[in-house]
PDB file of all heavy atoms in Angstrom:
ATOM      1  N   ALA A   1      -1.014   9.292 -25.753  1.00  0.00           N
ATOM      2  CA  ALA A   1      -1.283  10.816 -25.822  1.00  0.00           C
ATOM      3  C   ALA A   1      -2.575  11.179 -25.081  1.00  0.00           C
ATOM      4  O   ALA A   1      -2.843  12.303 -24.639  1.00  0.00           O
ATOM      5  CB  ALA A   1      -1.334  11.268 -27.253  1.00  0.00           C
ATOM      6  N   THR A   2      -3.530  10.202 -25.041  1.00  0.00           N
ATOM      7  CA  THR A   2      -4.789  10.524 -24.345  1.00  0.00           C
ATOM      8  C   THR A   2      -4.904   9.912 -22.956  1.00  0.00           C
ATOM      9  O   THR A   2      -5.948   9.872 -22.430  1.00  0.00           O
ATOM     10  CB  THR A   2      -5.979   9.975 -25.251  1.00  0.00           C
ATOM     11  OG1 THR A   2      -5.825   8.486 -25.305  1.00  0.00           O
ATOM     12  CG2 THR A   2      -6.021  10.616 -26.600  1.00  0.00           C
ATOM     13  N   GLN A   3      -3.802   9.475 -22.382  1.00  0.00           N
ATOM     14  CA  GLN A   3      -3.716   8.947 -20.978  1.00  0.00           C
ATOM     15  C   GLN A   3      -4.376   9.911 -20.103  1.00  0.00           C
ATOM     16  O   GLN A   3      -3.946  11.112 -20.130  1.00  0.00           O
ATOM     17  CB  GLN A   3      -2.251   8.584 -20.624  1.00  0.00           C
ATOM     18  CG  GLN A   3      -2.191   7.724 -19.392  1.00  0.00           C
ATOM     19  CD  GLN A   3      -2.378   6.153 -19.767  1.00  0.00           C
ATOM     20  OE1 GLN A   3      -1.970   5.820 -20.731  1.00  0.00           O
ATOM     21  NE2 GLN A   3      -2.977   5.521 -18.790  1.00  0.00           N
ATOM     22  N   SER A   4      -5.347   9.480 -19.290  1.00  0.00           N
ATOM     23  CA  SER A   4      -5.998  10.330 -18.391  1.00  0.00           C
ATOM     24  C   SER A   4      -5.832   9.982 -16.983  1.00  0.00           C
ATOM     25  O   SER A   4      -5.425   8.898 -16.660  1.00  0.00           O
ATOM     26  CB  SER A   4      -7.510  10.507 -18.738  1.00  0.00           C
ATOM     27  OG  SER A   4      -8.076   9.292 -18.457  1.00  0.00           O
ATOM     28  N   ASN A   5      -6.250  10.693 -16.029  1.00  0.00           N
ATOM     29  CA  ASN A   5      -6.207  10.462 -14.545  1.00  0.00           C
ATOM     30  C   ASN A   5      -7.254   9.266 -14.094  1.00  0.00           C
ATOM     31  O   ASN A   5      -7.086   8.686 -13.174  1.00  0.00           O
ATOM     32  CB  ASN A   5      -6.500  11.705 -13.754  1.00  0.00           C
ATOM     33  CG  ASN A   5      -5.376  12.683 -13.849  1.00  0.00           C
ATOM     34  OD1 ASN A   5      -4.364  12.341 -14.269  1.00  0.00           O
ATOM     35  ND2 ASN A   5      -5.686  13.917 -13.403  1.00  0.00           N
ATOM     36  N   THR A   6      -8.223   9.023 -15.074  1.00  0.00           N
ATOM     37  CA  THR A   6      -9.107   8.012 -14.800  1.00  0.00           C
ATOM     38  C   THR A   6      -8.567   6.581 -15.116  1.00  0.00           C
ATOM     39  O   THR A   6      -9.109   5.640 -14.745  1.00  0.00           O
ATOM     40  CB  THR A   6     -10.515   8.268 -15.428  1.00  0.00           C
ATOM     41  OG1 THR A   6     -10.256   8.225 -16.898  1.00  0.00           O
ATOM     42  CG2 THR A   6     -11.138   9.522 -15.041  1.00  0.00           C
ATOM     43  N   GLN A   7      -7.508   6.566 -15.843  1.00  0.00           N
ATOM     44  CA  GLN A   7      -6.847   5.416 -16.273  1.00  0.00           C
ATOM     45  C   GLN A   7      -5.384   5.611 -15.951  1.00  0.00           C
ATOM     46  O   GLN A   7      -4.543   6.094 -16.685  1.00  0.00           O
ATOM     47  CB  GLN A   7      -7.010   5.067 -17.805  1.00  0.00           C
ATOM     48  CG  GLN A   7      -8.384   4.821 -18.270  1.00  0.00           C
ATOM     49  CD  GLN A   7      -8.994   3.598 -17.553  1.00  0.00           C
ATOM     50  OE1 GLN A   7      -8.324   2.602 -17.318  1.00  0.00           O
ATOM     51  NE2 GLN A   7     -10.312   3.697 -17.210  1.00  0.00           N
ATOM     52  N   PRO A   8      -4.919   5.151 -14.724  1.00  0.00           N
ATOM     53  CA  PRO A   8      -3.595   5.312 -14.260  1.00  0.00           C
ATOM     54  C   PRO A   8      -2.560   4.782 -15.116  1.00  0.00           C
ATOM     55  O   PRO A   8      -2.777   3.721 -15.734  1.00  0.00           O
ATOM     56  CB  PRO A   8      -3.619   4.798 -12.852  1.00  0.00           C
ATOM     57  CG  PRO A   8      -4.603   3.802 -12.868  1.00  0.00           C
ATOM     58  CD  PRO A   8      -5.712   4.282 -13.779  1.00  0.00           C
ATOM     59  N   LEU A   9      -1.418   5.303 -15.116  1.00  0.00           N
ATOM     60  CA  LEU A   9      -0.279   4.704 -15.843  1.00  0.00           C
ATOM     61  C   LEU A   9       0.159   3.365 -15.384  1.00  0.00           C
ATOM     62  O   LEU A   9       0.496   2.451 -16.210  1.00  0.00           O
ATOM     63  CB  LEU A   9       0.903   5.681 -15.959  1.00  0.00           C
ATOM     64  CG  LEU A   9       2.019   5.336 -16.935  1.00  0.00           C
ATOM     65  CD1 LEU A   9       1.491   5.228 -18.325  1.00  0.00           C
ATOM     66  CD2 LEU A   9       3.050   6.425 -16.812  1.00  0.00           C
ATOM     67  N   LEU A  10       0.279   3.229 -14.050  1.00  0.00           N
ATOM     68  CA  LEU A  10       0.561   1.985 -13.493  1.00  0.00           C
ATOM     69  C   LEU A  10      -0.615   1.509 -12.490  1.00  0.00           C
ATOM     70  O   LEU A  10      -1.049   2.272 -11.732  1.00  0.00           O
ATOM     71  CB  LEU A  10       1.867   2.004 -12.619  1.00  0.00           C
ATOM     72  CG  LEU A  10       3.119   2.251 -13.468  1.00  0.00           C
ATOM     73  CD1 LEU A  10       4.296   2.418 -12.512  1.00  0.00           C
ATOM     74  CD2 LEU A  10       3.386   1.111 -14.314  1.00  0.00           C
ATOM     75  N   ARG A  11      -0.976   0.294 -12.606  1.00  0.00           N
ATOM     76  CA  ARG A  11      -2.104  -0.199 -11.793  1.00  0.00           C
ATOM     77  C   ARG A  11      -1.664  -1.559 -11.302  1.00  0.00           C
ATOM     78  O   ARG A  11      -1.291  -2.534 -11.954  1.00  0.00           O
ATOM     79  CB  ARG A  11      -3.372  -0.408 -12.675  1.00  0.00           C
ATOM     80  CG  ARG A  11      -4.505  -0.949 -12.035  1.00  0.00           C
ATOM     81  CD  ARG A  11      -5.760  -1.107 -12.972  1.00  0.00           C
ATOM     82  NE  ARG A  11      -5.937   0.169 -13.485  1.00  0.00           N
ATOM     83  CZ  ARG A  11      -7.138   0.597 -13.934  1.00  0.00           C
ATOM     84  NH1 ARG A  11      -8.192  -0.195 -13.823  1.00  0.00           N
ATOM     85  NH2 ARG A  11      -7.297   1.801 -14.517  1.00  0.00           N
ATOM     86  N   LEU A  12      -1.585  -1.676  -9.895  1.00  0.00           N
ATOM     87  CA  LEU A  12      -1.281  -2.921  -9.343  1.00  0.00           C
ATOM     88  C   LEU A  12      -2.582  -3.493  -8.801  1.00  0.00           C
ATOM     89  O   LEU A  12      -3.439  -2.866  -8.158  1.00  0.00           O
ATOM     90  CB  LEU A  12      -0.244  -2.607  -8.123  1.00  0.00           C
ATOM     91  CG  LEU A  12       1.011  -1.935  -8.538  1.00  0.00           C
ATOM     92  CD1 LEU A  12       1.811  -1.697  -7.278  1.00  0.00           C
ATOM     93  CD2 LEU A  12       1.838  -2.687  -9.467  1.00  0.00           C
ATOM     94  N   ARG A  13      -2.655  -4.768  -8.976  1.00  0.00           N
ATOM     95  CA  ARG A  13      -3.954  -5.574  -8.656  1.00  0.00           C
ATOM     96  C   ARG A  13      -3.661  -6.799  -7.837  1.00  0.00           C
ATOM     97  O   ARG A  13      -2.573  -7.248  -7.855  1.00  0.00           O
ATOM     98  CB  ARG A  13      -4.700  -5.904  -9.901  1.00  0.00           C
ATOM     99  CG  ARG A  13      -4.997  -4.686 -10.835  1.00  0.00           C
ATOM    100  CD  ARG A  13      -5.907  -4.900 -12.013  1.00  0.00           C
ATOM    101  NE  ARG A  13      -5.611  -6.138 -12.630  1.00  0.00           N
ATOM    102  CZ  ARG A  13      -6.346  -6.636 -13.690  1.00  0.00           C
ATOM    103  NH1 ARG A  13      -7.364  -5.953 -14.101  1.00  0.00           N
ATOM    104  NH2 ARG A  13      -6.039  -7.813 -14.203  1.00  0.00           N
ATOM    105  N   ASN A  14      -4.648  -7.230  -7.023  1.00  0.00           N
ATOM    106  CA  ASN A  14      -4.469  -8.520  -6.337  1.00  0.00           C
ATOM    107  C   ASN A  14      -4.785  -9.623  -7.159  1.00  0.00           C
ATOM    108  O   ASN A  14      -5.185  -9.541  -8.429  1.00  0.00           O
ATOM    109  CB  ASN A  14      -5.411  -8.486  -5.086  1.00  0.00           C
ATOM    110  CG  ASN A  14      -6.807  -8.525  -5.381  1.00  0.00           C
ATOM    111  OD1 ASN A  14      -7.346  -8.839  -6.480  1.00  0.00           O
ATOM    112  ND2 ASN A  14      -7.632  -8.285  -4.369  1.00  0.00           N
ATOM    113  N   ALA A  15      -4.653 -10.861  -6.721  1.00  0.00           N
ATOM    114  CA  ALA A  15      -4.841 -12.037  -7.543  1.00  0.00           C
ATOM    115  C   ALA A  15      -6.266 -12.192  -8.216  1.00  0.00           C
ATOM    116  O   ALA A  15      -6.429 -12.850  -9.312  1.00  0.00           O
ATOM    117  CB  ALA A  15      -4.520 -13.373  -6.771  1.00  0.00           C
ATOM    118  N   ALA A  16      -7.291 -11.593  -7.508  1.00  0.00           N
ATOM    119  CA  ALA A  16      -8.564 -11.660  -8.066  1.00  0.00           C
ATOM    120  C   ALA A  16      -8.901 -10.568  -9.093  1.00  0.00           C
ATOM    121  O   ALA A  16      -9.892 -10.463  -9.686  1.00  0.00           O
ATOM    122  CB  ALA A  16      -9.566 -11.452  -6.949  1.00  0.00           C
ATOM    123  N   GLY A  17      -7.820  -9.606  -9.336  1.00  0.00           N
ATOM    124  CA  GLY A  17      -8.023  -8.590 -10.315  1.00  0.00           C
ATOM    125  C   GLY A  17      -8.564  -7.297  -9.768  1.00  0.00           C
ATOM    126  O   GLY A  17      -8.746  -6.325 -10.538  1.00  0.00           O
ATOM    127  N   ALA A  18      -8.640  -7.082  -8.396  1.00  0.00           N
ATOM    128  CA  ALA A  18      -9.210  -5.911  -7.737  1.00  0.00           C
ATOM    129  C   ALA A  18      -7.983  -4.977  -7.656  1.00  0.00           C
ATOM    130  O   ALA A  18      -6.869  -5.288  -7.322  1.00  0.00           O
ATOM    131  CB  ALA A  18      -9.792  -6.157  -6.429  1.00  0.00           C
ATOM    132  N   ASP A  19      -8.166  -3.758  -8.022  1.00  0.00           N
ATOM    133  CA  ASP A  19      -7.190  -2.678  -7.838  1.00  0.00           C
ATOM    134  C   ASP A  19      -6.692  -2.484  -6.459  1.00  0.00           C
ATOM    135  O   ASP A  19      -7.438  -2.459  -5.527  1.00  0.00           O
ATOM    136  CB  ASP A  19      -7.597  -1.340  -8.367  1.00  0.00           C
ATOM    137  CG  ASP A  19      -7.803  -1.196  -9.946  1.00  0.00           C
ATOM    138  OD1 ASP A  19      -7.377  -2.325 -10.598  1.00  0.00           O
ATOM    139  OD2 ASP A  19      -8.213  -0.257 -10.489  1.00  0.00           O
ATOM    140  N   LEU A  20      -5.319  -2.403  -6.304  1.00  0.00           N
ATOM    141  CA  LEU A  20      -4.668  -2.140  -4.975  1.00  0.00           C
ATOM    142  C   LEU A  20      -4.103  -0.833  -4.976  1.00  0.00           C
ATOM    143  O   LEU A  20      -4.224  -0.055  -3.930  1.00  0.00           O
ATOM    144  CB  LEU A  20      -3.647  -3.256  -4.658  1.00  0.00           C
ATOM    145  CG  LEU A  20      -4.147  -4.684  -4.503  1.00  0.00           C
ATOM    146  CD1 LEU A  20      -2.952  -5.611  -4.399  1.00  0.00           C
ATOM    147  CD2 LEU A  20      -5.042  -4.831  -3.327  1.00  0.00           C
ATOM    148  N   LEU A  21      -3.388  -0.380  -5.972  1.00  0.00           N
ATOM    149  CA  LEU A  21      -2.631   0.794  -6.014  1.00  0.00           C
ATOM    150  C   LEU A  21      -2.527   1.379  -7.512  1.00  0.00           C
ATOM    151  O   LEU A  21      -2.392   0.556  -8.383  1.00  0.00           O
ATOM    152  CB  LEU A  21      -1.150   0.551  -5.507  1.00  0.00           C
ATOM    153  CG  LEU A  21      -0.202   1.638  -5.541  1.00  0.00           C
ATOM    154  CD1 LEU A  21      -0.564   2.788  -4.489  1.00  0.00           C
ATOM    155  CD2 LEU A  21       1.190   1.079  -5.167  1.00  0.00           C
ATOM    156  N   HIS A  22      -2.733   2.611  -7.617  1.00  0.00           N
ATOM    157  CA  HIS A  22      -2.444   3.417  -8.894  1.00  0.00           C
ATOM    158  C   HIS A  22      -1.294   4.247  -8.704  1.00  0.00           C
ATOM    159  O   HIS A  22      -1.027   4.850  -7.588  1.00  0.00           O
ATOM    160  CB  HIS A  22      -3.663   4.229  -9.107  1.00  0.00           C
ATOM    161  CG  HIS A  22      -4.913   3.492  -9.452  1.00  0.00           C
ATOM    162  ND1 HIS A  22      -6.120   4.094  -9.595  1.00  0.00           N
ATOM    163  CD2 HIS A  22      -5.157   2.089  -9.595  1.00  0.00           C
ATOM    164  CE1 HIS A  22      -7.082   3.230  -9.783  1.00  0.00           C
ATOM    165  NE2 HIS A  22      -6.576   2.075  -9.846  1.00  0.00           N
ATOM    166  N   ILE A  23      -0.411   4.434  -9.682  1.00  0.00           N
ATOM    167  CA  ILE A  23       0.644   5.366  -9.735  1.00  0.00           C
ATOM    168  C   ILE A  23       0.504   6.091 -10.984  1.00  0.00           C
ATOM    169  O   ILE A  23       0.425   5.581 -12.153  1.00  0.00           O
ATOM    170  CB  ILE A  23       2.013   4.607  -9.680  1.00  0.00           C
ATOM    171  CG1 ILE A  23       2.146   3.757  -8.361  1.00  0.00           C
ATOM    172  CG2 ILE A  23       3.161   5.725  -9.819  1.00  0.00           C
ATOM    173  CD1 ILE A  23       3.343   2.946  -8.258  1.00  0.00           C
ATOM    174  N   HIS A  24       0.442   7.447 -10.953  1.00  0.00           N
ATOM    175  CA  HIS A  24       0.140   8.202 -12.056  1.00  0.00           C
ATOM    176  C   HIS A  24       0.649   9.677 -11.915  1.00  0.00           C
ATOM    177  O   HIS A  24       0.917  10.064 -10.864  1.00  0.00           O
ATOM    178  CB  HIS A  24      -1.412   8.211 -12.321  1.00  0.00           C
ATOM    179  CG  HIS A  24      -1.837   8.803 -13.648  1.00  0.00           C
ATOM    180  ND1 HIS A  24      -1.483   8.293 -14.858  1.00  0.00           N
ATOM    181  CD2 HIS A  24      -2.613   9.890 -13.904  1.00  0.00           C
ATOM    182  CE1 HIS A  24      -2.025   9.024 -15.819  1.00  0.00           C
ATOM    183  NE2 HIS A  24      -2.657   9.972 -15.331  1.00  0.00           N
ATOM    184  N   SER A  25       0.565  10.339 -12.980  1.00  0.00           N
ATOM    185  CA  SER A  25       0.903  11.705 -13.045  1.00  0.00           C
ATOM    186  C   SER A  25       0.294  12.291 -14.237  1.00  0.00           C
ATOM    187  O   SER A  25       0.149  11.767 -15.272  1.00  0.00           O
ATOM    188  CB  SER A  25       2.429  12.040 -13.020  1.00  0.00           C
ATOM    189  OG  SER A  25       2.659  13.463 -13.058  1.00  0.00           O
ATOM    190  N   ASP A  26      -0.225  13.661 -14.171  1.00  0.00           N
ATOM    191  CA  ASP A  26      -0.834  14.245 -15.322  1.00  0.00           C
ATOM    192  C   ASP A  26       0.189  15.342 -15.815  1.00  0.00           C
ATOM    193  O   ASP A  26      -0.179  16.105 -16.790  1.00  0.00           O
ATOM    194  CB  ASP A  26      -2.195  14.765 -15.170  1.00  0.00           C
ATOM    195  CG  ASP A  26      -2.277  15.772 -14.068  1.00  0.00           C
ATOM    196  OD1 ASP A  26      -1.224  16.108 -13.416  1.00  0.00           O
ATOM    197  OD2 ASP A  26      -3.475  16.151 -13.603  1.00  0.00           O
ATOM    198  N   GLY A  27       1.367  15.435 -15.311  1.00  0.00           N
ATOM    199  CA  GLY A  27       2.375  16.529 -15.678  1.00  0.00           C
ATOM    200  C   GLY A  27       3.474  16.416 -14.864  1.00  0.00           C
ATOM    201  O   GLY A  27       3.577  15.692 -13.853  1.00  0.00           O
ATOM    202  N   PRO A  28       4.690  16.993 -15.222  1.00  0.00           N
ATOM    203  CA  PRO A  28       5.880  16.931 -14.528  1.00  0.00           C
ATOM    204  C   PRO A  28       5.888  17.506 -13.072  1.00  0.00           C
ATOM    205  O   PRO A  28       6.786  17.169 -12.296  1.00  0.00           O
ATOM    206  CB  PRO A  28       6.868  17.601 -15.420  1.00  0.00           C
ATOM    207  CG  PRO A  28       6.074  18.523 -16.194  1.00  0.00           C
ATOM    208  CD  PRO A  28       4.766  17.886 -16.370  1.00  0.00           C
ATOM    209  N   THR A  29       4.920  18.198 -12.668  1.00  0.00           N
ATOM    210  CA  THR A  29       4.846  18.676 -11.379  1.00  0.00           C
ATOM    211  C   THR A  29       3.842  18.048 -10.371  1.00  0.00           C
ATOM    212  O   THR A  29       3.728  18.489  -9.318  1.00  0.00           O
ATOM    213  CB  THR A  29       4.520  20.312 -11.386  1.00  0.00           C
ATOM    214  OG1 THR A  29       3.141  20.402 -11.940  1.00  0.00           O
ATOM    215  CG2 THR A  29       5.520  21.067 -12.193  1.00  0.00           C
ATOM    216  N   ASN A  30       3.180  17.020 -10.905  1.00  0.00           N
ATOM    217  CA  ASN A  30       2.201  16.324 -10.011  1.00  0.00           C
ATOM    218  C   ASN A  30       2.583  14.900  -9.878  1.00  0.00           C
ATOM    219  O   ASN A  30       2.997  14.181 -10.816  1.00  0.00           O
ATOM    220  CB  ASN A  30       0.842  16.466 -10.702  1.00  0.00           C
ATOM    221  CG  ASN A  30       0.244  17.765 -10.741  1.00  0.00           C
ATOM    222  OD1 ASN A  30       0.535  18.600  -9.834  1.00  0.00           O
ATOM    223  ND2 ASN A  30      -0.543  18.118 -11.695  1.00  0.00           N
ATOM    224  N   THR A  31       2.365  14.332  -8.695  1.00  0.00           N
ATOM    225  CA  THR A  31       2.488  12.861  -8.390  1.00  0.00           C
ATOM    226  C   THR A  31       1.342  12.371  -7.773  1.00  0.00           C
ATOM    227  O   THR A  31       0.959  12.884  -6.700  1.00  0.00           O
ATOM    228  CB  THR A  31       3.804  12.723  -7.536  1.00  0.00           C
ATOM    229  OG1 THR A  31       4.853  13.289  -8.144  1.00  0.00           O
ATOM    230  CG2 THR A  31       4.100  11.279  -7.270  1.00  0.00           C
ATOM    231  N   PHE A  32       0.781  11.321  -8.197  1.00  0.00           N
ATOM    232  CA  PHE A  32      -0.459  10.625  -7.554  1.00  0.00           C
ATOM    233  C   PHE A  32       0.005   9.140  -7.264  1.00  0.00           C
ATOM    234  O   PHE A  32       0.256   8.388  -8.242  1.00  0.00           O
ATOM    235  CB  PHE A  32      -1.618  10.721  -8.512  1.00  0.00           C
ATOM    236  CG  PHE A  32      -1.902  12.040  -9.047  1.00  0.00           C
ATOM    237  CD1 PHE A  32      -2.139  12.200 -10.396  1.00  0.00           C
ATOM    238  CD2 PHE A  32      -1.810  13.279  -8.297  1.00  0.00           C
ATOM    239  CE1 PHE A  32      -2.412  13.396 -11.009  1.00  0.00           C
ATOM    240  CE2 PHE A  32      -2.023  14.443  -8.838  1.00  0.00           C
ATOM    241  CZ  PHE A  32      -2.363  14.641 -10.221  1.00  0.00           C
ATOM    242  N   ILE A  33      -0.130   8.876  -5.952  1.00  0.00           N
ATOM    243  CA  ILE A  33       0.207   7.451  -5.602  1.00  0.00           C
ATOM    244  C   ILE A  33      -0.911   6.976  -4.664  1.00  0.00           C
ATOM    245  O   ILE A  33      -1.109   7.569  -3.539  1.00  0.00           O
ATOM    246  CB  ILE A  33       1.525   7.369  -4.779  1.00  0.00           C
ATOM    247  CG1 ILE A  33       2.628   7.773  -5.759  1.00  0.00           C
ATOM    248  CG2 ILE A  33       1.765   5.903  -4.403  1.00  0.00           C
ATOM    249  CD1 ILE A  33       3.994   7.933  -5.013  1.00  0.00           C
ATOM    250  N   GLY A  34      -1.781   6.094  -4.984  1.00  0.00           N
ATOM    251  CA  GLY A  34      -2.919   5.596  -4.240  1.00  0.00           C
ATOM    252  C   GLY A  34      -4.050   5.331  -5.173  1.00  0.00           C
ATOM    253  O   GLY A  34      -4.199   5.823  -6.300  1.00  0.00           O
ATOM    254  N   LEU A  35      -4.881   4.371  -4.780  1.00  0.00           N
ATOM    255  CA  LEU A  35      -6.086   4.061  -5.458  1.00  0.00           C
ATOM    256  C   LEU A  35      -6.968   5.328  -5.752  1.00  0.00           C
ATOM    257  O   LEU A  35      -7.362   5.993  -4.707  1.00  0.00           O
ATOM    258  CB  LEU A  35      -6.930   3.013  -4.739  1.00  0.00           C
ATOM    259  CG  LEU A  35      -8.138   2.357  -5.452  1.00  0.00           C
ATOM    260  CD1 LEU A  35      -7.589   1.666  -6.685  1.00  0.00           C
ATOM    261  CD2 LEU A  35      -8.929   1.477  -4.545  1.00  0.00           C
ATOM    262  N   ASN A  36      -7.196   5.700  -7.017  1.00  0.00           N
ATOM    263  CA  ASN A  36      -7.873   6.943  -7.362  1.00  0.00           C
ATOM    264  C   ASN A  36      -7.306   8.297  -6.870  1.00  0.00           C
ATOM    265  O   ASN A  36      -7.923   9.362  -6.962  1.00  0.00           O
ATOM    266  CB  ASN A  36      -9.399   6.910  -6.843  1.00  0.00           C
ATOM    267  CG  ASN A  36     -10.136   5.768  -7.543  1.00  0.00           C
ATOM    268  OD1 ASN A  36     -10.054   5.530  -8.657  1.00  0.00           O
ATOM    269  ND2 ASN A  36     -10.893   5.075  -6.665  1.00  0.00           N
ATOM    270  N   ALA A  37      -6.075   8.231  -6.517  1.00  0.00           N
ATOM    271  CA  ALA A  37      -5.345   9.521  -6.113  1.00  0.00           C
ATOM    272  C   ALA A  37      -5.280  10.421  -7.330  1.00  0.00           C
ATOM    273  O   ALA A  37      -4.812   9.974  -8.399  1.00  0.00           O
ATOM    274  CB  ALA A  37      -3.986   9.211  -5.506  1.00  0.00           C
ATOM    275  N   GLY A  38      -5.567  11.761  -7.096  1.00  0.00           N
ATOM    276  CA  GLY A  38      -5.505  12.771  -8.155  1.00  0.00           C
ATOM    277  C   GLY A  38      -6.452  12.494  -9.361  1.00  0.00           C
ATOM    278  O   GLY A  38      -6.255  13.153 -10.409  1.00  0.00           O
ATOM    279  N   ARG A  39      -7.429  11.631  -9.144  1.00  0.00           N
ATOM    280  CA  ARG A  39      -8.256  11.247 -10.297  1.00  0.00           C
ATOM    281  C   ARG A  39      -8.955  12.477 -10.963  1.00  0.00           C
ATOM    282  O   ARG A  39      -9.172  12.431 -12.142  1.00  0.00           O
ATOM    283  CB  ARG A  39      -9.317  10.229  -9.864  1.00  0.00           C
ATOM    284  CG  ARG A  39     -10.168   9.704 -10.873  1.00  0.00           C
ATOM    285  CD  ARG A  39     -11.023   8.670 -10.472  1.00  0.00           C
ATOM    286  NE  ARG A  39     -11.921   8.279 -11.539  1.00  0.00           N
ATOM    287  CZ  ARG A  39     -12.182   6.950 -11.657  1.00  0.00           C
ATOM    288  NH1 ARG A  39     -11.755   6.082 -10.973  1.00  0.00           N
ATOM    289  NH2 ARG A  39     -13.013   6.637 -12.714  1.00  0.00           N
TER     290      ARG A  39
END
């Protein structure tokens, strides 16, 4: 219920643990794809 744009719903990382891609939305009309997109 408190999921925010600063903590994406999906986070893809490399083997070292560095973020590669975020996939998130804060509502049904918004789509954010990319590292820190729509943050």
